[in-house]
Amino acid sequence: QVQLVESGGGLVQPGGSLRLSCAASGSLFSLYVMGWYRQAPGKQRELVATITSNSNTNYADSVKGRFTISRDNAKKMVYLQMISLKPEDTAVYSCNAKLTGSSFAYWGQGTQVTVSS
């Protein structure tokens, strides 16, 4: 079993930066594909970025070049560095953990990111 706790959200002006963190508990963290997803009001949840156990990354087109996902397996942490934030980045950002080949995923409770002047 994996538990995920996100932190680092908040209110930021357009063009600003935030770093989200996801703390994981449980065993075999290094084997999980970790991801960040977001859901804006009235919209479906969408993939933001994923990182595999050997740190291969994948990004949504809308965040490429602005967001960077990383992980620290020793600390059981996943990060999402966000720069050049736009109002359309406003959403609840959630951390996700999934083993390759499994249809089951663990989710955190989410952290709110609001980009507004």
N, C-alpha and C. Protein backbone atom coordinates (compact mmCIF):
# COMPACT_ATOMS: atom_id res chain seq x y z
N GLN A 1 0.84 -1.20 0.00
CA GLN A 1 0.00 0.00 0.00
C GLN A 1 0.87 1.25 0.00
N VAL A 2 0.44 2.26 -0.73
CA VAL A 2 1.17 3.51 -0.83
C VAL A 2 0.25 4.65 -0.42
N GLN A 3 0.76 5.53 0.40
CA GLN A 3 0.04 6.76 0.74
C GLN A 3 0.81 7.94 0.19
N LEU A 4 0.08 8.89 -0.37
CA LEU A 4 0.69 10.04 -1.02
C LEU A 4 0.14 11.32 -0.42
N VAL A 5 1.04 12.25 -0.10
CA VAL A 5 0.64 13.54 0.46
C VAL A 5 1.31 14.65 -0.32
N GLU A 6 0.48 15.49 -0.95
CA GLU A 6 1.02 16.60 -1.74
C GLU A 6 1.14 17.86 -0.89
N SER A 7 2.05 18.72 -1.28
CA SER A 7 2.20 20.02 -0.65
C SER A 7 2.82 20.99 -1.65
N GLY A 8 2.78 22.27 -1.28
CA GLY A 8 3.44 23.27 -2.12
C GLY A 8 2.53 24.11 -2.99
N GLY A 9 1.25 23.82 -2.98
CA GLY A 9 0.33 24.63 -3.77
C GLY A 9 0.13 26.00 -3.16
N GLY A 10 -0.56 26.86 -3.90
CA GLY A 10 -0.84 28.19 -3.39
C GLY A 10 -1.26 29.12 -4.50
N LEU A 11 -1.27 30.41 -4.15
CA LEU A 11 -1.64 31.46 -5.10
C LEU A 11 -0.36 32.11 -5.64
N VAL A 12 -0.29 32.21 -6.95
CA VAL A 12 0.89 32.80 -7.58
C VAL A 12 0.44 33.66 -8.75
N GLN A 13 1.19 34.70 -9.04
CA GLN A 13 0.85 35.57 -10.15
C GLN A 13 1.26 34.93 -11.49
N PRO A 14 0.61 35.30 -12.56
CA PRO A 14 1.04 34.80 -13.87
C PRO A 14 2.52 35.09 -14.11
N GLY A 15 3.21 34.09 -14.65
CA GLY A 15 4.64 34.20 -14.85
C GLY A 15 5.46 33.73 -13.68
N GLY A 16 4.79 33.44 -12.58
CA GLY A 16 5.49 33.00 -11.38
C GLY A 16 5.81 31.52 -11.39
N SER A 17 6.38 31.07 -10.28
CA SER A 17 6.83 29.68 -10.16
C SER A 17 6.32 29.06 -8.87
N LEU A 18 6.17 27.76 -8.89
CA LEU A 18 5.84 26.98 -7.70
C LEU A 18 6.52 25.62 -7.82
N ARG A 19 6.79 25.03 -6.67
CA ARG A 19 7.32 23.68 -6.65
C ARG A 19 6.40 22.82 -5.80
N LEU A 20 5.80 21.85 -6.42
CA LEU A 20 4.94 20.91 -5.70
C LEU A 20 5.76 19.71 -5.25
N SER A 21 5.41 19.18 -4.09
CA SER A 21 6.07 18.00 -3.56
C SER A 21 5.03 16.93 -3.27
N CYS A 22 5.44 15.69 -3.42
CA CYS A 22 4.58 14.55 -3.10
C CYS A 22 5.41 13.59 -2.27
N ALA A 23 4.99 13.41 -1.01
CA ALA A 23 5.67 12.50 -0.11
C ALA A 23 4.94 11.17 -0.11
N ALA A 24 5.70 10.10 -0.33
CA ALA A 24 5.11 8.77 -0.39
C ALA A 24 5.54 7.94 0.81
N SER A 25 4.64 7.10 1.26
CA SER A 25 4.98 6.13 2.29
C SER A 25 4.63 4.75 1.76
N GLY A 26 5.27 3.74 2.31
CA GLY A 26 5.05 2.39 1.83
C GLY A 26 6.31 1.84 1.18
N SER A 27 6.22 0.61 0.79
CA SER A 27 7.41 -0.06 0.25
C SER A 27 7.43 -0.02 -1.28
N LEU A 28 8.58 -0.32 -1.81
CA LEU A 28 8.78 -0.46 -3.24
C LEU A 28 8.54 0.83 -4.02
N PHE A 29 8.73 1.97 -3.37
CA PHE A 29 8.49 3.26 -4.03
C PHE A 29 9.25 3.37 -5.34
N SER A 30 10.49 2.91 -5.35
CA SER A 30 11.33 3.09 -6.53
C SER A 30 10.78 2.36 -7.76
N LEU A 31 9.89 1.41 -7.56
CA LEU A 31 9.36 0.65 -8.67
C LEU A 31 8.14 1.31 -9.33
N TYR A 32 7.57 2.28 -8.65
CA TYR A 32 6.34 2.89 -9.13
C TYR A 32 6.60 3.95 -10.20
N VAL A 33 5.72 3.98 -11.18
CA VAL A 33 5.64 5.12 -12.08
C VAL A 33 4.86 6.20 -11.35
N MET A 34 5.46 7.35 -11.20
CA MET A 34 4.84 8.44 -10.46
C MET A 34 4.34 9.49 -11.44
N GLY A 35 3.22 10.09 -11.10
CA GLY A 35 2.66 11.08 -12.00
C GLY A 35 2.01 12.24 -11.27
N TRP A 36 1.92 13.33 -11.96
CA TRP A 36 1.14 14.48 -11.51
C TRP A 36 -0.02 14.67 -12.49
N TYR A 37 -1.20 14.84 -11.92
CA TYR A 37 -2.40 15.10 -12.70
C TYR A 37 -3.03 16.38 -12.15
N ARG A 38 -3.89 16.97 -12.94
CA ARG A 38 -4.59 18.17 -12.46
C ARG A 38 -6.03 18.18 -12.93
N GLN A 39 -6.87 18.83 -12.15
CA GLN A 39 -8.26 18.97 -12.50
C GLN A 39 -8.72 20.38 -12.21
N ALA A 40 -9.12 21.06 -13.25
CA ALA A 40 -9.66 22.42 -13.12
C ALA A 40 -11.17 22.34 -12.93
N PRO A 41 -11.76 23.36 -12.34
CA PRO A 41 -13.22 23.36 -12.12
C PRO A 41 -13.97 23.15 -13.43
N GLY A 42 -14.89 22.19 -13.41
CA GLY A 42 -15.71 21.93 -14.59
C GLY A 42 -15.03 21.15 -15.69
N LYS A 43 -13.80 20.70 -15.43
CA LYS A 43 -13.06 19.97 -16.46
C LYS A 43 -12.67 18.59 -15.95
N GLN A 44 -12.33 17.72 -16.88
CA GLN A 44 -11.86 16.40 -16.50
C GLN A 44 -10.43 16.45 -16.03
N ARG A 45 -10.07 15.49 -15.21
CA ARG A 45 -8.68 15.39 -14.76
C ARG A 45 -7.80 15.07 -15.95
N GLU A 46 -6.62 15.69 -15.99
CA GLU A 46 -5.72 15.47 -17.10
C GLU A 46 -4.30 15.19 -16.59
N LEU A 47 -3.59 14.45 -17.40
CA LEU A 47 -2.21 14.14 -17.09
C LEU A 47 -1.35 15.37 -17.26
N VAL A 48 -0.47 15.61 -16.30
CA VAL A 48 0.50 16.70 -16.41
C VAL A 48 1.88 16.14 -16.77
N ALA A 49 2.34 15.19 -15.99
CA ALA A 49 3.67 14.62 -16.22
C ALA A 49 3.79 13.29 -15.50
N THR A 50 4.64 12.42 -16.03
CA THR A 50 4.95 11.17 -15.37
C THR A 50 6.45 10.94 -15.37
N ILE A 51 6.89 10.12 -14.42
CA ILE A 51 8.30 9.76 -14.35
C ILE A 51 8.38 8.29 -13.95
N THR A 52 9.16 7.53 -14.70
CA THR A 52 9.27 6.10 -14.45
C THR A 52 10.30 5.81 -13.36
N SER A 53 10.43 4.54 -13.05
CA SER A 53 11.37 4.14 -12.00
C SER A 53 12.81 4.49 -12.37
N ASN A 54 13.12 4.52 -13.66
CA ASN A 54 14.48 4.91 -14.07
C ASN A 54 14.52 6.33 -14.62
N SER A 55 13.54 7.13 -14.19
CA SER A 55 13.49 8.58 -14.43
C SER A 55 13.25 9.00 -15.87
N ASN A 56 12.63 8.16 -16.66
CA ASN A 56 12.15 8.61 -17.97
C ASN A 56 10.90 9.45 -17.73
N THR A 57 10.82 10.57 -18.41
CA THR A 57 9.73 11.50 -18.16
C THR A 57 8.84 11.69 -19.39
N ASN A 58 7.62 12.09 -19.11
CA ASN A 58 6.64 12.37 -20.15
C ASN A 58 5.81 13.56 -19.70
N TYR A 59 5.50 14.48 -20.63
CA TYR A 59 4.78 15.68 -20.28
C TYR A 59 3.60 15.93 -21.22
N ALA A 60 2.57 16.54 -20.68
CA ALA A 60 1.50 17.03 -21.51
C ALA A 60 2.05 18.17 -22.38
N ASP A 61 1.56 18.29 -23.58
CA ASP A 61 2.05 19.34 -24.48
C ASP A 61 1.90 20.73 -23.87
N SER A 62 0.85 20.91 -23.10
CA SER A 62 0.56 22.23 -22.54
C SER A 62 1.57 22.69 -21.50
N VAL A 63 2.38 21.77 -20.97
CA VAL A 63 3.33 22.15 -19.92
C VAL A 63 4.78 21.92 -20.32
N LYS A 64 5.01 21.37 -21.49
CA LYS A 64 6.38 21.11 -21.94
C LYS A 64 7.19 22.39 -21.97
N GLY A 65 8.39 22.31 -21.42
CA GLY A 65 9.26 23.47 -21.38
C GLY A 65 9.02 24.38 -20.19
N ARG A 66 7.93 24.15 -19.46
CA ARG A 66 7.63 24.98 -18.29
C ARG A 66 7.64 24.17 -16.99
N PHE A 67 7.25 22.91 -17.06
CA PHE A 67 7.19 22.07 -15.87
C PHE A 67 8.27 20.99 -15.95
N THR A 68 8.79 20.63 -14.78
CA THR A 68 9.77 19.56 -14.70
C THR A 68 9.41 18.63 -13.56
N ILE A 69 9.27 17.35 -13.87
CA ILE A 69 9.00 16.35 -12.85
C ILE A 69 10.30 15.67 -12.48
N SER A 70 10.47 15.36 -11.20
CA SER A 70 11.66 14.67 -10.74
C SER A 70 11.29 13.81 -9.54
N ARG A 71 12.19 12.90 -9.20
CA ARG A 71 11.94 12.03 -8.05
C ARG A 71 13.23 11.79 -7.30
N ASP A 72 13.07 11.52 -6.01
CA ASP A 72 14.17 11.15 -5.13
C ASP A 72 13.74 9.84 -4.46
N ASN A 73 14.23 8.74 -4.98
CA ASN A 73 13.78 7.45 -4.46
C ASN A 73 14.22 7.21 -3.01
N ALA A 74 15.36 7.75 -2.64
CA ALA A 74 15.84 7.57 -1.27
C ALA A 74 14.91 8.26 -0.26
N LYS A 75 14.37 9.39 -0.66
CA LYS A 75 13.48 10.15 0.22
C LYS A 75 12.01 9.82 -0.05
N LYS A 76 11.73 9.02 -1.06
CA LYS A 76 10.36 8.70 -1.45
C LYS A 76 9.57 9.98 -1.76
N MET A 77 10.17 10.80 -2.58
CA MET A 77 9.56 12.08 -2.93
C MET A 77 9.48 12.24 -4.45
N VAL A 78 8.43 12.93 -4.87
CA VAL A 78 8.29 13.33 -6.26
C VAL A 78 8.01 14.83 -6.27
N TYR A 79 8.59 15.52 -7.24
CA TYR A 79 8.46 16.96 -7.30
C TYR A 79 7.93 17.39 -8.67
N LEU A 80 7.28 18.53 -8.66
CA LEU A 80 6.87 19.16 -9.92
C LEU A 80 7.27 20.62 -9.84
N GLN A 81 8.31 20.97 -10.56
CA GLN A 81 8.75 22.36 -10.64
C GLN A 81 7.99 23.03 -11.77
N MET A 82 7.31 24.10 -11.44
CA MET A 82 6.49 24.81 -12.43
C MET A 82 6.97 26.24 -12.55
N ILE A 83 7.28 26.65 -13.78
CA ILE A 83 7.68 28.03 -14.04
C ILE A 83 6.77 28.62 -15.11
N SER A 84 6.88 29.91 -15.28
CA SER A 84 6.07 30.61 -16.29
C SER A 84 4.60 30.22 -16.20
N LEU A 85 4.09 30.22 -15.00
CA LEU A 85 2.72 29.77 -14.78
C LEU A 85 1.70 30.69 -15.45
N LYS A 86 0.63 30.08 -15.93
CA LYS A 86 -0.43 30.78 -16.64
C LYS A 86 -1.75 30.59 -15.88
N PRO A 87 -2.69 31.49 -16.06
CA PRO A 87 -4.00 31.30 -15.39
C PRO A 87 -4.63 29.95 -15.73
N GLU A 88 -4.39 29.45 -16.90
CA GLU A 88 -4.98 28.16 -17.28
C GLU A 88 -4.32 26.98 -16.58
N ASP A 89 -3.26 27.22 -15.83
CA ASP A 89 -2.66 26.17 -15.01
C ASP A 89 -3.39 26.01 -13.68
N THR A 90 -4.32 26.88 -13.40
CA THR A 90 -5.08 26.80 -12.16
C THR A 90 -5.86 25.49 -12.09
N ALA A 91 -5.64 24.75 -11.01
CA ALA A 91 -6.28 23.44 -10.86
C ALA A 91 -5.87 22.84 -9.53
N VAL A 92 -6.52 21.75 -9.19
CA VAL A 92 -6.06 20.91 -8.09
C VAL A 92 -5.08 19.90 -8.69
N TYR A 93 -3.88 19.88 -8.14
CA TYR A 93 -2.84 18.99 -8.64
C TYR A 93 -2.72 17.79 -7.69
N SER A 94 -2.77 16.60 -8.28
CA SER A 94 -2.73 15.38 -7.49
C SER A 94 -1.58 14.49 -7.92
N CYS A 95 -1.02 13.81 -6.95
CA CYS A 95 0.07 12.87 -7.17
C CYS A 95 -0.52 11.47 -7.35
N ASN A 96 0.14 10.68 -8.18
CA ASN A 96 -0.38 9.37 -8.55
C ASN A 96 0.78 8.38 -8.56
N ALA A 97 0.51 7.16 -8.11
CA ALA A 97 1.54 6.12 -8.13
C ALA A 97 0.95 4.84 -8.71
N LYS A 98 1.68 4.27 -9.67
CA LYS A 98 1.16 3.06 -10.34
C LYS A 98 2.30 2.16 -10.74
N LEU A 99 2.11 0.88 -10.51
CA LEU A 99 3.11 -0.08 -10.98
C LEU A 99 2.89 -0.33 -12.47
N THR A 100 3.96 -0.48 -13.21
CA THR A 100 3.88 -0.77 -14.64
C THR A 100 3.06 -2.03 -14.87
N GLY A 101 2.09 -1.95 -15.77
CA GLY A 101 1.26 -3.10 -16.09
C GLY A 101 0.05 -3.26 -15.21
N SER A 102 -0.05 -2.45 -14.17
CA SER A 102 -1.20 -2.52 -13.26
C SER A 102 -2.23 -1.48 -13.64
N SER A 103 -3.48 -1.81 -13.45
CA SER A 103 -4.55 -0.85 -13.72
C SER A 103 -4.91 -0.07 -12.47
N PHE A 104 -4.36 -0.47 -11.34
CA PHE A 104 -4.67 0.20 -10.08
C PHE A 104 -3.66 1.29 -9.80
N ALA A 105 -4.16 2.41 -9.27
CA ALA A 105 -3.29 3.53 -8.94
C ALA A 105 -3.65 4.10 -7.58
N TYR A 106 -2.64 4.58 -6.91
CA TYR A 106 -2.83 5.31 -5.66
C TYR A 106 -2.86 6.80 -5.95
N TRP A 107 -3.66 7.52 -5.15
CA TRP A 107 -3.80 8.97 -5.34
C TRP A 107 -3.63 9.71 -4.03
N GLY A 108 -3.07 10.89 -4.13
CA GLY A 108 -3.04 11.79 -3.00
C GLY A 108 -4.31 12.61 -2.95
N GLN A 109 -4.40 13.48 -1.94
CA GLN A 109 -5.62 14.27 -1.77
C GLN A 109 -5.64 15.52 -2.63
N GLY A 110 -4.50 15.90 -3.15
CA GLY A 110 -4.42 17.05 -4.04
C GLY A 110 -4.02 18.33 -3.33
N THR A 111 -3.47 19.25 -4.11
CA THR A 111 -3.10 20.56 -3.61
C THR A 111 -3.52 21.60 -4.64
N GLN A 112 -4.10 22.69 -4.15
CA GLN A 112 -4.65 23.71 -5.05
C GLN A 112 -3.56 24.64 -5.54
N VAL A 113 -3.54 24.85 -6.84
CA VAL A 113 -2.67 25.84 -7.46
C VAL A 113 -3.56 26.87 -8.15
N THR A 114 -3.40 28.12 -7.77
CA THR A 114 -4.18 29.20 -8.37
C THR A 114 -3.23 30.22 -8.96
N VAL A 115 -3.39 30.48 -10.24
CA VAL A 115 -2.55 31.46 -10.93
C VAL A 115 -3.44 32.64 -11.30
N SER A 116 -3.22 33.73 -10.61
CA SER A 116 -4.09 34.90 -10.79
C SER A 116 -3.37 36.16 -10.35
N SER A 117 -3.68 37.25 -11.00
CA SER A 117 -3.12 38.54 -10.59
C SER A 117 -4.08 39.25 -9.63
